[in-house]
Amino acid sequence: MSNLFQKLYVNVRLLSLALFWGLGSSFVLAQLPVPSSNPTMKQSAVASAEQSALLSHDSLDDLTANDWARLVLKGVGTEFPNKLSLVYSSEDQIKTPREHFPAFFGSFDWHSSVHGHWVLVRLLKEYPSIESAQQIRDVLDRHLSAENLRREADFFSQDEQKSFERMYGWAWFLRLTMELDNWQDADATRWRENLRPLEDVLVSRTEAYLPLLTYPIRIGQHTDTSFALGQILDYARAKKQVKLERLVVERSRAFYGSDTDYPVHYEPSGHDFFSSCWNEADLMRRVLPADQFEDWLSSFVPHAAAQLTDGTIAPVDVSDVSDPKIVHLAGLNLSRAWCLQSVASALREDHPLRQPLIAAAKLHLNAGMKYINSGHYEGDHWLATFGLYAIERIGIEDATD
């Protein structure tokens, strides 16, 4: 595809997205670039139209949903390249990814495959008329079979694998189970039942691990404790697992309840896809009553009002989308977007941080969206997950006071 055709295609898609997302024809026309002989002015006007379209959306159109579905379908069926981070106690344990993980063997690593399947379930449920719907259903039927999930549960039950995917992959698996719950669909009901053996193993692993975790892990990548705890808390509440809920709330308060003056200006590092700061705030808005959360937030990020507008907390550019670590920064934009909008949702309407948080969330979402489906597998195998999570406001509806 030539550069000229790519630009034309992107602009046409942006206009169609704007129309679909209910902006109104008069608004869209008002945002279209004014004819000019100045190339810089033209580029600026196109960028403005792009931003206006993305700022106002709260869902995908079927065309984009289908594009993302095809992207994920390709990933979950791609066994290699693959990153296995396993402990082997003997050479006869060495196997291919598919032999280890007959359900979640694709998309470069186990957790990416799991949250890729979450994307497929979510898209099939929320966008049932997309062109790839039957293909999604067929792939889920093959991958999420009872036998495949039993074998994966057996793998995770091995003592030497007790730390495998702890707790990032576990959290995404529990999010997948939640997505299938209460969906009145015969296939979904069967898939949901097939997940239960592995679900039981991971819940048991979590309940055994959290009391032993002396300190939280604060990092902009997979092992960040606060992200996983937020997902697990949503799961525990949705499933009415009181023991697990109490454990997560207790550990969250112990880990983060006294935190003050987070060094926001130290983020991000060069390959973050999370903000440990905003993951923590996203967790604590789930844990604390609204009034206590506002007090906690004012101590945790006391200068947030300035930092949200002075460039300290700002979207980041990705210098190389083909580098598997540097492209993490695209995910940082998207994960910050969902954290910022989630934190804003927990504040009262007239709270002074609410609107700055919402504005910053929109800027981060816009910045992250442009890297989805870039044509480079390094980001394409996972970024649609983060985009969908942010767009669909996942987690906000799960939180309770």
Protein backbone atom coordinates (compact mmCIF):
# COMPACT_ATOMS: atom_id res chain seq x y z
CA MET A 1 0.00 0.00 0.00
CA SER A 2 1.54 3.34 -1.00
CA ASN A 3 1.91 6.18 1.49
CA LEU A 4 -0.61 8.26 -0.45
CA PHE A 5 -3.18 5.47 -0.43
CA GLN A 6 -2.56 4.83 3.26
CA LYS A 7 -3.25 8.48 4.10
CA LEU A 8 -6.40 8.49 1.99
CA TYR A 9 -7.59 5.26 3.61
CA VAL A 10 -6.96 6.60 7.13
CA ASN A 11 -8.81 9.85 6.46
CA VAL A 12 -11.82 8.04 4.98
CA ARG A 13 -11.92 5.68 7.96
CA LEU A 14 -11.71 8.59 10.40
CA LEU A 15 -14.64 10.30 8.74
CA SER A 16 -16.70 7.10 8.80
CA LEU A 17 -15.84 6.60 12.47
CA ALA A 18 -16.88 10.14 13.28
CA LEU A 19 -20.22 9.67 11.55
CA PHE A 20 -20.83 6.34 13.25
CA TRP A 21 -20.02 7.66 16.70
CA GLY A 22 -22.93 10.06 16.51
CA LEU A 23 -21.12 13.32 16.14
CA GLY A 24 -23.70 14.70 13.73
CA SER A 25 -23.08 15.75 10.16
CA SER A 26 -22.83 19.43 10.95
CA PHE A 27 -20.18 18.78 13.59
CA VAL A 28 -18.17 16.54 11.28
CA LEU A 29 -18.29 19.08 8.46
CA ALA A 30 -17.15 21.76 10.86
CA GLN A 31 -14.08 19.65 11.70
CA LEU A 32 -13.06 18.91 8.11
CA PRO A 33 -9.92 20.65 6.90
CA VAL A 34 -10.36 24.00 5.21
CA PRO A 35 -8.83 24.01 1.70
CA SER A 36 -5.44 25.62 1.78
CA SER A 37 -2.32 25.77 -0.33
CA ASN A 38 -0.22 25.50 2.84
CA PRO A 39 0.68 21.81 3.47
CA THR A 40 1.35 22.47 7.14
CA MET A 41 -2.12 23.95 7.59
CA LYS A 42 -3.65 21.00 5.78
CA GLN A 43 -1.83 18.50 8.00
CA SER A 44 -2.87 20.40 11.11
CA ALA A 45 -6.52 20.44 10.02
CA VAL A 46 -6.49 16.70 9.29
CA ALA A 47 -4.95 16.05 12.70
CA SER A 48 -7.67 18.18 14.28
CA ALA A 49 -10.40 16.20 12.50
CA GLU A 50 -8.76 12.94 13.58
CA GLN A 51 -8.61 14.07 17.20
CA SER A 52 -12.20 15.31 17.21
CA ALA A 53 -13.47 11.97 15.91
CA LEU A 54 -11.55 9.92 18.44
CA LEU A 55 -12.33 12.16 21.40
CA SER A 56 -16.05 11.62 21.05
CA HIS A 57 -16.26 7.87 20.59
CA ASP A 58 -17.39 5.42 23.22
CA SER A 59 -17.63 2.29 21.09
CA LEU A 60 -16.34 0.76 17.87
CA ASP A 61 -18.11 0.66 14.55
CA ASP A 62 -18.55 -2.80 13.06
CA LEU A 63 -15.83 -2.18 10.48
CA THR A 64 -13.19 -1.38 13.09
CA ALA A 65 -14.43 -4.15 15.38
CA ASN A 66 -13.99 -6.58 12.49
CA ASP A 67 -10.51 -5.24 11.73
CA TRP A 68 -9.50 -5.79 15.34
CA ALA A 69 -11.11 -9.23 15.39
CA ARG A 70 -9.10 -10.29 12.34
CA LEU A 71 -5.94 -8.93 13.94
CA VAL A 72 -6.55 -10.97 17.08
CA LEU A 73 -7.65 -14.07 15.17
CA LYS A 74 -4.35 -14.03 13.35
CA GLY A 75 -2.48 -13.68 16.63
CA VAL A 76 -4.17 -16.44 18.61
CA GLY A 77 -3.49 -18.84 15.76
CA THR A 78 0.18 -17.91 15.44
CA GLU A 79 2.36 -20.27 17.49
CA PHE A 80 5.73 -18.78 16.55
CA PRO A 81 7.46 -16.57 17.44
CA ASN A 82 6.75 -17.45 21.05
CA LYS A 83 8.22 -16.48 24.40
CA LEU A 84 8.09 -19.28 26.95
CA SER A 85 9.15 -18.33 30.48
CA LEU A 86 9.00 -21.77 32.03
CA VAL A 87 10.84 -23.74 34.67
CA TYR A 88 11.88 -27.23 33.57
CA SER A 89 13.06 -29.84 36.05
CA SER A 90 13.86 -32.41 33.37
CA GLU A 91 14.38 -32.49 29.63
CA ASP A 92 11.29 -34.58 28.98
CA GLN A 93 9.19 -31.56 30.03
CA ILE A 94 10.42 -29.51 27.07
CA LYS A 95 7.59 -29.09 24.57
CA THR A 96 6.29 -26.70 21.94
CA PRO A 97 3.92 -23.89 22.99
CA ARG A 98 0.91 -25.73 21.56
CA GLU A 99 1.84 -28.89 23.45
CA HIS A 100 2.06 -26.98 26.70
CA PHE A 101 -0.95 -24.75 26.06
CA PRO A 102 -3.45 -26.22 23.60
CA ALA A 103 -5.90 -23.38 24.28
CA PHE A 104 -3.58 -20.38 24.68
CA PHE A 105 -0.55 -21.16 22.52
CA GLY A 106 -0.61 -18.17 20.13
CA SER A 107 0.06 -14.43 20.24
CA PHE A 108 3.69 -14.69 21.36
CA ASP A 109 3.01 -15.53 25.03
CA TRP A 110 0.36 -17.08 27.25
CA HIS A 111 -1.12 -13.90 28.70
CA SER A 112 -1.41 -12.23 25.29
CA SER A 113 -3.27 -15.25 24.01
CA VAL A 114 -5.60 -15.15 27.00
CA HIS A 115 -6.49 -11.50 26.65
CA GLY A 116 -6.71 -11.97 22.89
CA HIS A 117 -9.44 -14.54 23.55
CA TRP A 118 -11.10 -12.01 25.85
CA VAL A 119 -11.16 -9.56 22.92
CA LEU A 120 -12.76 -12.17 20.68
CA VAL A 121 -15.43 -12.97 23.25
CA ARG A 122 -16.16 -9.31 23.88
CA LEU A 123 -16.41 -8.47 20.19
CA LEU A 124 -18.60 -11.48 19.44
CA LYS A 125 -20.91 -10.55 22.30
CA GLU A 126 -21.10 -6.81 21.69
CA TYR A 127 -20.76 -6.75 17.88
CA PRO A 128 -22.50 -9.98 16.79
CA SER A 129 -23.08 -8.85 13.19
CA ILE A 130 -19.44 -8.31 12.24
CA GLU A 131 -18.19 -10.23 9.22
CA SER A 132 -15.79 -12.41 11.19
CA ALA A 133 -18.36 -13.48 13.81
CA GLN A 134 -18.56 -17.09 12.64
CA GLN A 135 -14.79 -17.37 12.40
CA ILE A 136 -14.49 -16.07 15.95
CA ARG A 137 -17.03 -18.63 17.14
CA ASP A 138 -15.19 -21.45 15.35
CA VAL A 139 -11.81 -20.48 16.82
CA LEU A 140 -13.20 -20.14 20.34
CA ASP A 141 -14.88 -23.52 19.97
CA ARG A 142 -11.59 -25.17 18.98
CA HIS A 143 -9.42 -23.45 21.54
CA LEU A 144 -11.73 -23.39 24.56
CA SER A 145 -12.56 -27.08 24.51
CA ALA A 146 -12.95 -29.04 27.73
CA GLU A 147 -9.90 -31.17 26.94
CA ASN A 148 -7.68 -28.19 26.13
CA LEU A 149 -8.60 -26.37 29.33
CA ARG A 150 -8.18 -29.51 31.42
CA ARG A 151 -4.63 -29.88 30.10
CA GLU A 152 -3.87 -26.23 30.86
CA ALA A 153 -5.25 -26.66 34.38
CA ASP A 154 -2.97 -29.67 34.83
CA PHE A 155 0.01 -27.57 33.74
CA PHE A 156 -0.74 -24.76 36.19
CA SER A 157 -1.22 -27.30 38.98
CA GLN A 158 2.44 -28.34 38.77
CA ASP A 159 4.33 -27.00 41.75
CA GLU A 160 7.28 -25.76 39.69
CA GLN A 161 4.88 -23.60 37.64
CA LYS A 162 3.21 -21.91 40.60
CA SER A 163 4.70 -18.53 39.68
CA PHE A 164 4.06 -18.82 35.93
CA GLU A 165 2.08 -15.76 34.73
CA ARG A 166 1.65 -14.59 38.33
CA MET A 167 -0.51 -12.49 38.58
CA TYR A 168 -0.88 -10.66 35.23
CA GLY A 169 -1.92 -13.67 33.18
CA TRP A 170 -4.10 -14.93 36.02
CA ALA A 171 -5.93 -11.61 36.14
CA TRP A 172 -6.64 -11.64 32.41
CA PHE A 173 -7.90 -15.20 32.60
CA LEU A 174 -10.35 -14.21 35.35
CA ARG A 175 -11.46 -11.25 33.20
CA LEU A 176 -12.15 -13.75 30.40
CA THR A 177 -14.36 -15.82 32.69
CA MET A 178 -16.27 -12.70 33.70
CA GLU A 179 -16.90 -11.81 30.06
CA LEU A 180 -18.56 -15.17 29.50
CA ASP A 181 -20.69 -15.03 32.63
CA ASN A 182 -24.38 -14.31 32.16
CA TRP A 183 -24.18 -14.34 28.37
CA GLN A 184 -27.26 -16.11 27.10
CA ASP A 185 -25.54 -18.01 24.32
CA ALA A 186 -25.25 -21.79 24.09
CA ASP A 187 -21.64 -21.73 22.91
CA ALA A 188 -20.64 -19.19 25.55
CA THR A 189 -22.22 -21.32 28.27
CA ARG A 190 -20.18 -24.30 27.16
CA TRP A 191 -16.94 -22.30 26.94
CA ARG A 192 -17.59 -20.85 30.37
CA GLU A 193 -17.96 -24.29 31.92
CA ASN A 194 -14.78 -25.46 30.21
CA LEU A 195 -12.80 -22.66 31.89
CA ARG A 196 -13.71 -23.72 35.42
CA PRO A 197 -10.89 -26.22 36.13
CA LEU A 198 -8.19 -23.65 35.33
CA GLU A 199 -10.21 -20.94 37.07
CA ASP A 200 -10.25 -23.00 40.27
CA VAL A 201 -6.49 -23.53 40.09
CA LEU A 202 -5.75 -19.83 39.59
CA VAL A 203 -8.09 -18.67 42.35
CA SER A 204 -6.43 -21.15 44.70
CA ARG A 205 -3.00 -19.92 43.60
CA THR A 206 -4.03 -16.32 44.23
CA GLU A 207 -5.39 -17.02 47.70
CA ALA A 208 -2.18 -18.84 48.60
CA TYR A 209 0.13 -16.17 47.17
CA LEU A 210 -1.31 -12.89 48.43
CA PRO A 211 -0.77 -13.51 52.15
CA LEU A 212 2.88 -14.26 51.35
CA LEU A 213 3.44 -11.11 49.28
CA THR A 214 5.17 -8.87 51.79
CA TYR A 215 5.55 -5.85 49.52
CA PRO A 216 3.71 -4.78 46.38
CA ILE A 217 5.51 -4.88 43.05
CA ARG A 218 5.54 -1.40 41.53
CA ILE A 219 6.55 -1.58 37.90
CA GLY A 220 5.31 -0.46 34.51
CA GLN A 221 5.08 -3.98 33.16
CA HIS A 222 3.33 -7.31 33.72
CA THR A 223 4.10 -7.96 37.36
CA ASP A 224 2.67 -4.69 38.70
CA THR A 225 0.63 -5.79 41.70
CA SER A 226 -2.03 -3.09 41.61
CA PHE A 227 -3.24 -3.91 38.10
CA ALA A 228 -3.77 -7.56 38.93
CA LEU A 229 -5.48 -6.77 42.22
CA GLY A 230 -7.97 -4.49 40.47
CA GLN A 231 -8.93 -7.21 38.01
CA ILE A 232 -9.12 -9.89 40.69
CA LEU A 233 -11.27 -7.67 42.88
CA ASP A 234 -13.72 -7.14 40.03
CA TYR A 235 -13.83 -10.89 39.57
CA ALA A 236 -14.32 -11.65 43.27
CA ARG A 237 -17.21 -9.21 43.52
CA ALA A 238 -18.86 -10.39 40.34
CA LYS A 239 -18.62 -14.01 41.50
CA LYS A 240 -19.53 -13.15 45.11
CA GLN A 241 -16.35 -14.81 46.33
CA VAL A 242 -16.32 -13.11 49.72
CA LYS A 243 -13.11 -14.71 50.96
CA LEU A 244 -11.17 -13.59 47.89
CA GLU A 245 -12.70 -10.11 47.96
CA ARG A 246 -11.75 -9.60 51.60
CA LEU A 247 -8.22 -10.80 50.95
CA VAL A 248 -7.72 -8.43 48.01
CA VAL A 249 -9.19 -5.46 49.89
CA GLU A 250 -7.06 -6.19 52.95
CA ARG A 251 -3.87 -6.51 50.94
CA SER A 252 -4.66 -3.42 48.87
CA ARG A 253 -5.18 -1.31 51.98
CA ALA A 254 -2.00 -2.69 53.51
CA PHE A 255 0.07 -2.14 50.38
CA TYR A 256 -1.24 1.26 49.30
CA GLY A 257 -3.48 2.80 51.95
CA SER A 258 -0.75 5.01 53.40
CA ASP A 259 0.92 6.01 50.13
CA THR A 260 1.61 9.70 49.69
CA ASP A 261 3.44 11.95 47.24
CA TYR A 262 3.90 9.47 44.42
CA PRO A 263 6.84 10.59 42.23
CA VAL A 264 4.75 11.05 39.10
CA HIS A 265 7.57 12.74 37.24
CA TYR A 266 9.63 9.52 37.32
CA GLU A 267 7.21 7.85 34.90
CA PRO A 268 7.45 6.40 32.36
CA SER A 269 10.54 4.28 31.95
CA GLY A 270 11.61 3.39 28.44
CA HIS A 271 9.48 0.28 27.98
CA ASP A 272 6.48 0.75 30.29
CA PHE A 273 3.01 -0.26 29.19
CA PHE A 274 1.55 0.54 32.62
CA SER A 275 1.70 3.50 34.93
CA SER A 276 2.18 2.02 38.38
CA CYS A 277 0.89 5.33 39.74
CA TRP A 278 -2.42 5.26 37.92
CA ASN A 279 -2.85 1.50 38.24
CA GLU A 280 -2.69 2.04 41.97
CA ALA A 281 -5.25 4.83 41.88
CA ASP A 282 -7.48 2.69 39.67
CA LEU A 283 -7.30 -0.07 42.27
CA MET A 284 -7.94 2.17 45.27
CA ARG A 285 -11.04 3.75 43.73
CA ARG A 286 -12.42 0.21 43.81
CA VAL A 287 -11.31 -0.39 47.40
CA LEU A 288 -12.19 2.82 49.23
CA PRO A 289 -15.56 4.52 49.73
CA ALA A 290 -15.89 7.63 47.56
CA ASP A 291 -15.13 10.20 50.27
CA GLN A 292 -12.12 8.25 51.54
CA PHE A 293 -10.84 7.77 48.02
CA GLU A 294 -10.91 11.52 47.33
CA ASP A 295 -8.89 12.15 50.48
CA TRP A 296 -6.46 9.37 49.61
CA LEU A 297 -6.03 10.67 46.05
CA SER A 298 -5.27 14.20 47.22
CA SER A 299 -2.42 12.83 49.34
CA PHE A 300 -1.24 10.30 46.79
CA VAL A 301 -0.90 12.77 43.89
CA PRO A 302 -1.10 16.17 45.61
CA HIS A 303 0.10 18.07 42.52
CA ALA A 304 -2.05 16.23 39.99
CA ALA A 305 -3.98 19.33 38.92
CA ALA A 306 -0.77 20.91 37.60
CA GLN A 307 0.82 17.68 36.39
CA LEU A 308 -2.17 16.80 34.24
CA THR A 309 -1.71 19.99 32.24
CA ASP A 310 1.98 20.92 32.43
CA GLY A 311 3.25 17.94 30.42
CA THR A 312 4.25 15.75 33.36
CA ILE A 313 1.37 13.35 32.69
CA ALA A 314 1.18 13.43 28.91
CA PRO A 315 0.82 10.96 26.04
CA VAL A 316 4.06 9.52 24.72
CA ASP A 317 5.30 8.78 21.23
CA VAL A 318 6.69 5.43 20.12
CA SER A 319 9.99 5.78 18.32
CA ASP A 320 10.01 2.25 16.88
CA VAL A 321 6.82 0.17 16.61
CA SER A 322 8.86 -2.82 15.46
CA ASP A 323 10.80 -3.00 18.72
CA PRO A 324 8.95 -5.34 21.12
CA LYS A 325 9.91 -3.34 24.20
CA ILE A 326 9.70 0.22 22.87
CA VAL A 327 6.21 -0.43 21.47
CA HIS A 328 5.10 -0.99 25.06
CA LEU A 329 4.74 2.79 25.23
CA ALA A 330 1.76 2.57 22.89
CA GLY A 331 0.08 0.43 25.53
CA LEU A 332 1.03 2.95 28.20
CA ASN A 333 -1.10 5.56 26.46
CA LEU A 334 -4.07 3.19 26.41
CA SER A 335 -3.70 1.88 29.95
CA ARG A 336 -3.28 5.40 31.30
CA ALA A 337 -6.42 6.35 29.38
CA TRP A 338 -8.55 3.73 31.11
CA CYS A 339 -7.02 4.47 34.52
CA LEU A 340 -7.53 8.22 34.23
CA GLN A 341 -11.14 7.88 33.10
CA SER A 342 -11.82 5.29 35.81
CA VAL A 343 -10.40 7.51 38.53
CA ALA A 344 -12.45 10.43 37.21
CA SER A 345 -15.59 8.29 37.33
CA ALA A 346 -15.06 7.74 41.05
CA LEU A 347 -14.94 11.47 41.85
CA ARG A 348 -17.93 13.72 42.47
CA GLU A 349 -19.10 15.81 39.53
CA ASP A 350 -17.67 19.05 40.90
CA HIS A 351 -14.33 17.64 42.01
CA PRO A 352 -11.55 19.88 40.64
CA LEU A 353 -9.62 16.92 39.21
CA ARG A 354 -12.55 15.31 37.40
CA GLN A 355 -12.44 17.31 34.16
CA PRO A 356 -8.63 17.43 33.89
CA LEU A 357 -8.56 13.65 34.32
CA ILE A 358 -11.19 13.16 31.62
CA ALA A 359 -9.36 15.47 29.23
CA ALA A 360 -6.05 13.71 29.85
CA ALA A 361 -7.70 10.32 29.36
CA LYS A 362 -9.00 11.38 25.94
CA LEU A 363 -5.59 12.63 24.85
CA HIS A 364 -3.97 9.37 25.91
CA LEU A 365 -6.62 7.31 24.16
CA ASN A 366 -6.12 9.21 20.92
CA ALA A 367 -2.36 8.79 21.15
CA GLY A 368 -2.59 5.05 21.75
CA MET A 369 -5.23 4.22 19.14
CA LYS A 370 -3.04 5.13 16.21
CA TYR A 371 -0.62 2.28 16.97
CA ILE A 372 -3.24 -0.49 16.82
CA ASN A 373 -2.97 -2.59 13.66
CA SER A 374 0.31 -1.03 12.62
CA GLY A 375 1.38 -4.02 10.58
CA HIS A 376 4.10 -4.96 13.08
CA TYR A 377 3.50 -8.11 15.11
CA GLU A 378 5.44 -6.72 18.07
CA GLY A 379 2.46 -4.52 18.94
CA ASP A 380 -0.27 -6.11 16.85
CA HIS A 381 -0.40 -9.26 18.97
CA TRP A 382 -1.68 -7.35 22.02
CA LEU A 383 -2.57 -3.67 21.53
CA ALA A 384 -6.18 -4.27 20.43
CA THR A 385 -6.80 -5.64 23.93
CA PHE A 386 -5.73 -2.41 25.57
CA GLY A 387 -7.67 -0.35 23.04
CA LEU A 388 -10.87 -2.30 23.59
CA TYR A 389 -10.50 -2.21 27.36
CA ALA A 390 -10.18 1.58 27.27
CA ILE A 391 -12.94 2.23 24.73
CA GLU A 392 -15.48 -0.02 26.42
CA ARG A 393 -14.72 1.37 29.89
CA ILE A 394 -14.06 -2.09 31.26
CA GLY A 395 -13.81 -2.21 35.03
CA ILE A 396 -15.74 0.97 35.69
CA GLU A 397 -19.09 -0.80 35.75
CA ASP A 398 -17.65 -3.53 37.99
CA ALA A 399 -16.60 -1.23 40.81
CA THR A 400 -18.72 -0.89 43.90
CA ASP A 401 -18.52 1.48 46.84
